[in-house]
């Protein structure tokens, strides 16, 4: 194997919706903090039906770590029943420059 070979971590985008006890437990704040730590861009917001929805964009390995967190961990005090993922896409570069909480 060539010692100069660079492994590329392609940028991806995915939309998510998290179901369960996910509102009123700082879920959006924890998610924003995690995304900033992982350098994942996008947004998150509470929905009127009690779920949380948003979009993640960034290096595939980092987005997959966030998907795992959204699906299995969540914030302290939350209880994630399930996380639905839609519109996985490869990106040349993310559409967003940061991660924001929308209202």
N, C-alpha and C. Protein backbone atom coordinates (compact mmCIF):
# COMPACT_ATOMS: atom_id res chain seq x y z
N UNK A 1 0.84 -1.18 0.00
CA UNK A 1 0.00 0.00 0.00
C UNK A 1 0.88 1.24 0.00
N UNK A 2 0.50 2.23 -0.77
CA UNK A 2 1.25 3.47 -0.89
C UNK A 2 1.21 4.24 0.43
N UNK A 3 2.36 4.60 0.95
CA UNK A 3 2.43 5.34 2.20
C UNK A 3 1.84 6.73 2.12
N UNK A 4 1.68 7.27 0.90
CA UNK A 4 1.12 8.62 0.72
C UNK A 4 -0.38 8.61 0.47
N UNK A 5 -0.99 7.44 0.54
CA UNK A 5 -2.42 7.34 0.25
C UNK A 5 -3.23 8.08 1.32
N UNK A 6 -4.16 8.91 0.87
CA UNK A 6 -5.01 9.67 1.78
C UNK A 6 -6.41 9.06 1.74
N UNK A 7 -6.92 8.72 2.91
CA UNK A 7 -8.28 8.20 2.97
C UNK A 7 -9.25 9.37 3.02
N UNK A 8 -10.17 9.39 2.11
CA UNK A 8 -11.14 10.47 2.02
C UNK A 8 -12.39 10.08 2.81
N UNK A 9 -12.88 11.01 3.62
CA UNK A 9 -14.12 10.82 4.35
C UNK A 9 -15.14 11.74 3.66
N UNK A 10 -15.94 11.19 2.74
CA UNK A 10 -16.81 12.04 1.93
C UNK A 10 -17.87 12.76 2.76
N UNK A 11 -18.26 13.94 2.30
CA UNK A 11 -19.34 14.67 2.95
C UNK A 11 -20.68 14.06 2.58
N UNK A 12 -21.53 13.92 3.58
CA UNK A 12 -22.88 13.41 3.37
C UNK A 12 -23.88 14.33 4.05
N UNK A 13 -25.14 14.13 3.68
CA UNK A 13 -26.25 14.87 4.27
C UNK A 13 -27.36 13.87 4.58
N UNK A 14 -28.03 14.07 5.72
CA UNK A 14 -29.18 13.22 6.05
C UNK A 14 -30.17 14.04 6.88
N UNK A 15 -31.45 13.81 6.62
CA UNK A 15 -32.51 14.41 7.42
C UNK A 15 -32.94 13.40 8.47
N UNK A 16 -33.33 13.89 9.66
CA UNK A 16 -33.72 12.98 10.73
C UNK A 16 -34.96 13.48 11.45
N UNK A 17 -35.67 12.51 12.07
CA UNK A 17 -36.75 12.83 12.99
C UNK A 17 -36.65 11.85 14.15
N UNK A 18 -36.59 12.40 15.37
CA UNK A 18 -36.42 11.58 16.56
C UNK A 18 -37.74 11.54 17.33
N UNK A 19 -38.18 10.32 17.68
CA UNK A 19 -39.44 10.09 18.37
C UNK A 19 -39.15 9.62 19.79
N UNK A 20 -40.04 9.92 20.72
CA UNK A 20 -39.91 9.50 22.11
C UNK A 20 -40.06 10.71 23.02
N UNK A 21 -39.51 10.60 24.23
CA UNK A 21 -39.51 11.74 25.15
C UNK A 21 -38.25 12.54 24.84
N UNK A 22 -38.38 13.47 23.89
CA UNK A 22 -37.20 14.18 23.40
C UNK A 22 -37.34 15.70 23.52
N UNK A 23 -38.49 16.17 23.97
CA UNK A 23 -38.66 17.60 24.20
C UNK A 23 -38.67 17.88 25.70
N UNK A 24 -38.20 19.06 26.08
CA UNK A 24 -38.17 19.42 27.49
C UNK A 24 -37.03 18.79 28.27
N UNK A 25 -36.01 18.29 27.56
CA UNK A 25 -34.87 17.64 28.22
C UNK A 25 -33.54 18.09 27.61
N UNK A 26 -33.53 19.30 27.05
CA UNK A 26 -32.31 19.90 26.46
C UNK A 26 -31.73 19.08 25.31
N UNK A 27 -32.57 18.30 24.64
CA UNK A 27 -32.10 17.45 23.54
C UNK A 27 -31.45 18.28 22.43
N UNK A 28 -32.11 19.39 22.04
CA UNK A 28 -31.57 20.20 20.94
C UNK A 28 -30.23 20.82 21.33
N UNK A 29 -30.10 21.27 22.57
CA UNK A 29 -28.84 21.87 23.02
C UNK A 29 -27.72 20.84 23.03
N UNK A 30 -27.99 19.65 23.58
CA UNK A 30 -26.97 18.59 23.59
C UNK A 30 -26.56 18.22 22.16
N UNK A 31 -27.54 18.12 21.28
CA UNK A 31 -27.25 17.76 19.89
C UNK A 31 -26.36 18.83 19.25
N UNK A 32 -26.69 20.10 19.47
CA UNK A 32 -25.88 21.19 18.91
C UNK A 32 -24.45 21.12 19.43
N UNK A 33 -24.29 20.90 20.73
CA UNK A 33 -22.95 20.80 21.32
C UNK A 33 -22.15 19.64 20.71
N UNK A 34 -22.81 18.49 20.55
CA UNK A 34 -22.15 17.32 19.96
C UNK A 34 -21.75 17.60 18.50
N UNK A 35 -22.66 18.20 17.74
CA UNK A 35 -22.36 18.49 16.33
C UNK A 35 -21.20 19.46 16.21
N UNK A 36 -21.15 20.45 17.09
CA UNK A 36 -20.03 21.40 17.05
C UNK A 36 -18.72 20.68 17.38
N UNK A 37 -18.77 19.77 18.33
CA UNK A 37 -17.58 18.99 18.69
C UNK A 37 -17.11 18.13 17.52
N UNK A 38 -18.05 17.53 16.80
CA UNK A 38 -17.74 16.65 15.67
C UNK A 38 -17.57 17.40 14.34
N UNK A 39 -17.75 18.72 14.36
CA UNK A 39 -17.68 19.55 13.15
C UNK A 39 -18.71 19.10 12.10
N UNK A 40 -19.92 18.84 12.60
CA UNK A 40 -21.06 18.51 11.75
C UNK A 40 -21.93 19.75 11.66
N UNK A 41 -22.38 20.09 10.46
CA UNK A 41 -23.21 21.27 10.23
C UNK A 41 -24.67 20.85 10.08
N UNK A 42 -25.56 21.84 10.10
CA UNK A 42 -26.98 21.58 9.88
C UNK A 42 -27.84 22.33 10.85
N UNK A 43 -28.96 21.72 11.20
CA UNK A 43 -29.92 22.36 12.10
C UNK A 43 -30.79 21.33 12.80
N UNK A 44 -31.48 21.79 13.86
CA UNK A 44 -32.38 20.95 14.63
C UNK A 44 -33.50 21.82 15.17
N UNK A 45 -34.70 21.23 15.32
CA UNK A 45 -35.79 21.98 15.94
C UNK A 45 -36.84 21.04 16.51
N UNK A 46 -37.61 21.55 17.47
CA UNK A 46 -38.76 20.84 18.01
C UNK A 46 -39.90 20.95 17.01
N UNK A 47 -40.73 19.90 16.93
CA UNK A 47 -41.93 19.97 16.09
C UNK A 47 -43.15 20.11 17.00
N UNK A 48 -44.26 20.51 16.39
CA UNK A 48 -45.51 20.66 17.14
C UNK A 48 -46.05 19.30 17.62
N UNK A 49 -45.63 18.21 16.95
CA UNK A 49 -46.15 16.88 17.33
C UNK A 49 -45.29 16.18 18.38
N UNK A 50 -44.31 16.89 18.97
CA UNK A 50 -43.54 16.31 20.06
C UNK A 50 -42.27 15.59 19.65
N UNK A 51 -41.93 15.65 18.38
CA UNK A 51 -40.69 15.03 17.91
C UNK A 51 -39.63 16.12 17.73
N UNK A 52 -38.46 15.70 17.33
CA UNK A 52 -37.38 16.62 16.98
C UNK A 52 -36.93 16.26 15.58
N UNK A 53 -36.76 17.29 14.74
CA UNK A 53 -36.38 17.07 13.36
C UNK A 53 -35.17 17.94 13.02
N UNK A 54 -34.47 17.55 11.96
CA UNK A 54 -33.32 18.36 11.56
C UNK A 54 -32.56 17.74 10.41
N UNK A 55 -31.38 18.31 10.16
CA UNK A 55 -30.53 17.85 9.07
C UNK A 55 -29.07 17.88 9.54
N UNK A 56 -28.34 16.83 9.22
CA UNK A 56 -26.92 16.73 9.53
C UNK A 56 -26.14 16.74 8.23
N UNK A 57 -25.02 17.46 8.20
CA UNK A 57 -24.13 17.46 7.05
C UNK A 57 -22.69 17.51 7.52
N UNK A 58 -21.84 16.72 6.86
CA UNK A 58 -20.43 16.72 7.21
C UNK A 58 -19.78 15.42 6.79
N UNK A 59 -18.55 15.18 7.29
CA UNK A 59 -17.86 13.94 6.95
C UNK A 59 -18.68 12.72 7.37
N UNK A 60 -18.75 11.73 6.49
CA UNK A 60 -19.62 10.56 6.70
C UNK A 60 -19.40 9.91 8.06
N UNK A 61 -18.15 9.75 8.50
CA UNK A 61 -17.88 9.08 9.77
C UNK A 61 -18.46 9.88 10.94
N UNK A 62 -18.38 11.21 10.87
CA UNK A 62 -18.89 12.07 11.94
C UNK A 62 -20.41 12.09 11.94
N UNK A 63 -21.01 12.16 10.75
CA UNK A 63 -22.48 12.13 10.64
C UNK A 63 -23.00 10.81 11.18
N UNK A 64 -22.32 9.71 10.88
CA UNK A 64 -22.75 8.40 11.39
C UNK A 64 -22.67 8.35 12.92
N UNK A 65 -21.66 8.99 13.52
CA UNK A 65 -21.57 9.05 14.98
C UNK A 65 -22.76 9.83 15.54
N UNK A 66 -23.15 10.91 14.89
CA UNK A 66 -24.30 11.70 15.35
C UNK A 66 -25.60 10.92 15.16
N UNK A 67 -25.73 10.18 14.08
CA UNK A 67 -26.91 9.35 13.87
C UNK A 67 -27.02 8.31 14.99
N UNK A 68 -25.89 7.72 15.37
CA UNK A 68 -25.90 6.77 16.47
C UNK A 68 -26.37 7.44 17.76
N UNK A 69 -25.86 8.65 18.03
CA UNK A 69 -26.25 9.39 19.24
C UNK A 69 -27.75 9.70 19.21
N UNK A 70 -28.24 10.18 18.06
CA UNK A 70 -29.67 10.51 17.92
C UNK A 70 -30.54 9.27 18.11
N UNK A 71 -30.07 8.12 17.63
CA UNK A 71 -30.86 6.89 17.63
C UNK A 71 -30.81 6.13 18.95
N UNK A 72 -29.70 6.26 19.68
CA UNK A 72 -29.47 5.40 20.84
C UNK A 72 -29.21 6.11 22.16
N UNK A 73 -28.58 7.26 22.12
CA UNK A 73 -28.17 7.91 23.37
C UNK A 73 -29.11 9.04 23.75
N UNK A 74 -29.07 10.12 22.99
CA UNK A 74 -29.87 11.29 23.31
C UNK A 74 -29.33 12.01 24.53
N UNK A 75 -30.05 13.04 24.94
CA UNK A 75 -29.61 13.84 26.09
C UNK A 75 -30.02 13.14 27.39
N UNK A 76 -29.36 13.51 28.51
CA UNK A 76 -29.79 12.97 29.80
C UNK A 76 -31.26 13.33 30.04
N UNK A 77 -32.04 12.37 30.47
CA UNK A 77 -33.46 12.63 30.71
C UNK A 77 -34.35 12.36 29.51
N UNK A 78 -33.76 12.18 28.34
CA UNK A 78 -34.57 11.86 27.15
C UNK A 78 -34.76 10.34 27.08
N UNK A 79 -35.74 9.94 26.29
CA UNK A 79 -35.95 8.52 26.01
C UNK A 79 -36.27 8.40 24.52
N UNK A 80 -35.29 7.95 23.75
CA UNK A 80 -35.45 7.84 22.30
C UNK A 80 -36.16 6.53 21.97
N UNK A 81 -37.32 6.62 21.32
CA UNK A 81 -38.02 5.42 20.86
C UNK A 81 -37.47 4.98 19.51
N UNK A 82 -37.32 5.93 18.61
CA UNK A 82 -36.75 5.62 17.30
C UNK A 82 -36.29 6.89 16.62
N UNK A 83 -35.43 6.73 15.62
CA UNK A 83 -34.95 7.84 14.82
C UNK A 83 -35.11 7.45 13.35
N UNK A 84 -35.90 8.22 12.62
CA UNK A 84 -36.11 7.96 11.20
C UNK A 84 -35.15 8.82 10.39
N UNK A 85 -34.51 8.21 9.40
CA UNK A 85 -33.54 8.90 8.56
C UNK A 85 -34.05 8.93 7.13
N UNK A 86 -33.89 10.07 6.48
CA UNK A 86 -34.36 10.23 5.10
C UNK A 86 -33.34 11.03 4.28
N UNK A 87 -33.38 10.78 2.97
CA UNK A 87 -32.61 11.59 2.00
C UNK A 87 -31.11 11.61 2.26
N UNK A 88 -30.53 10.40 2.46
CA UNK A 88 -29.06 10.33 2.51
C UNK A 88 -28.53 10.79 1.17
N UNK A 89 -27.56 11.70 1.18
CA UNK A 89 -26.96 12.18 -0.07
C UNK A 89 -25.47 12.39 0.12
N UNK A 90 -24.73 12.23 -0.96
CA UNK A 90 -23.31 12.61 -0.97
C UNK A 90 -23.26 14.09 -1.34
N UNK A 91 -22.35 14.82 -0.73
CA UNK A 91 -22.23 16.25 -0.99
C UNK A 91 -20.80 16.59 -1.41
N UNK A 92 -20.66 17.54 -2.35
CA UNK A 92 -19.33 18.07 -2.66
C UNK A 92 -18.83 18.85 -1.45
N UNK A 93 -19.73 19.67 -0.89
CA UNK A 93 -19.42 20.35 0.36
C UNK A 93 -20.74 20.67 1.07
N UNK A 94 -20.72 20.77 2.41
CA UNK A 94 -21.96 21.04 3.14
C UNK A 94 -22.60 22.36 2.73
N UNK A 95 -23.93 22.42 2.82
CA UNK A 95 -24.68 23.64 2.51
C UNK A 95 -24.62 24.63 3.65
N UNK A 96 -24.27 24.14 4.84
CA UNK A 96 -24.27 24.99 6.05
C UNK A 96 -22.84 25.19 6.54
N UNK A 97 -22.64 26.29 7.27
CA UNK A 97 -21.31 26.57 7.81
C UNK A 97 -21.24 26.31 9.31
N UNK A 98 -22.40 26.04 9.94
CA UNK A 98 -22.43 25.76 11.38
C UNK A 98 -23.64 24.90 11.70
N UNK A 99 -23.90 24.70 12.99
CA UNK A 99 -25.07 23.94 13.42
C UNK A 99 -25.93 24.85 14.25
N UNK A 100 -27.22 24.94 13.92
CA UNK A 100 -28.09 25.89 14.61
C UNK A 100 -29.35 25.20 15.14
N UNK A 101 -29.90 25.81 16.18
CA UNK A 101 -31.21 25.40 16.71
C UNK A 101 -32.22 26.35 16.10
N UNK A 102 -33.21 25.80 15.43
CA UNK A 102 -34.27 26.61 14.81
C UNK A 102 -35.50 26.64 15.71
N UNK A 103 -36.23 27.74 15.61
CA UNK A 103 -37.44 27.90 16.42
C UNK A 103 -38.65 28.15 15.56
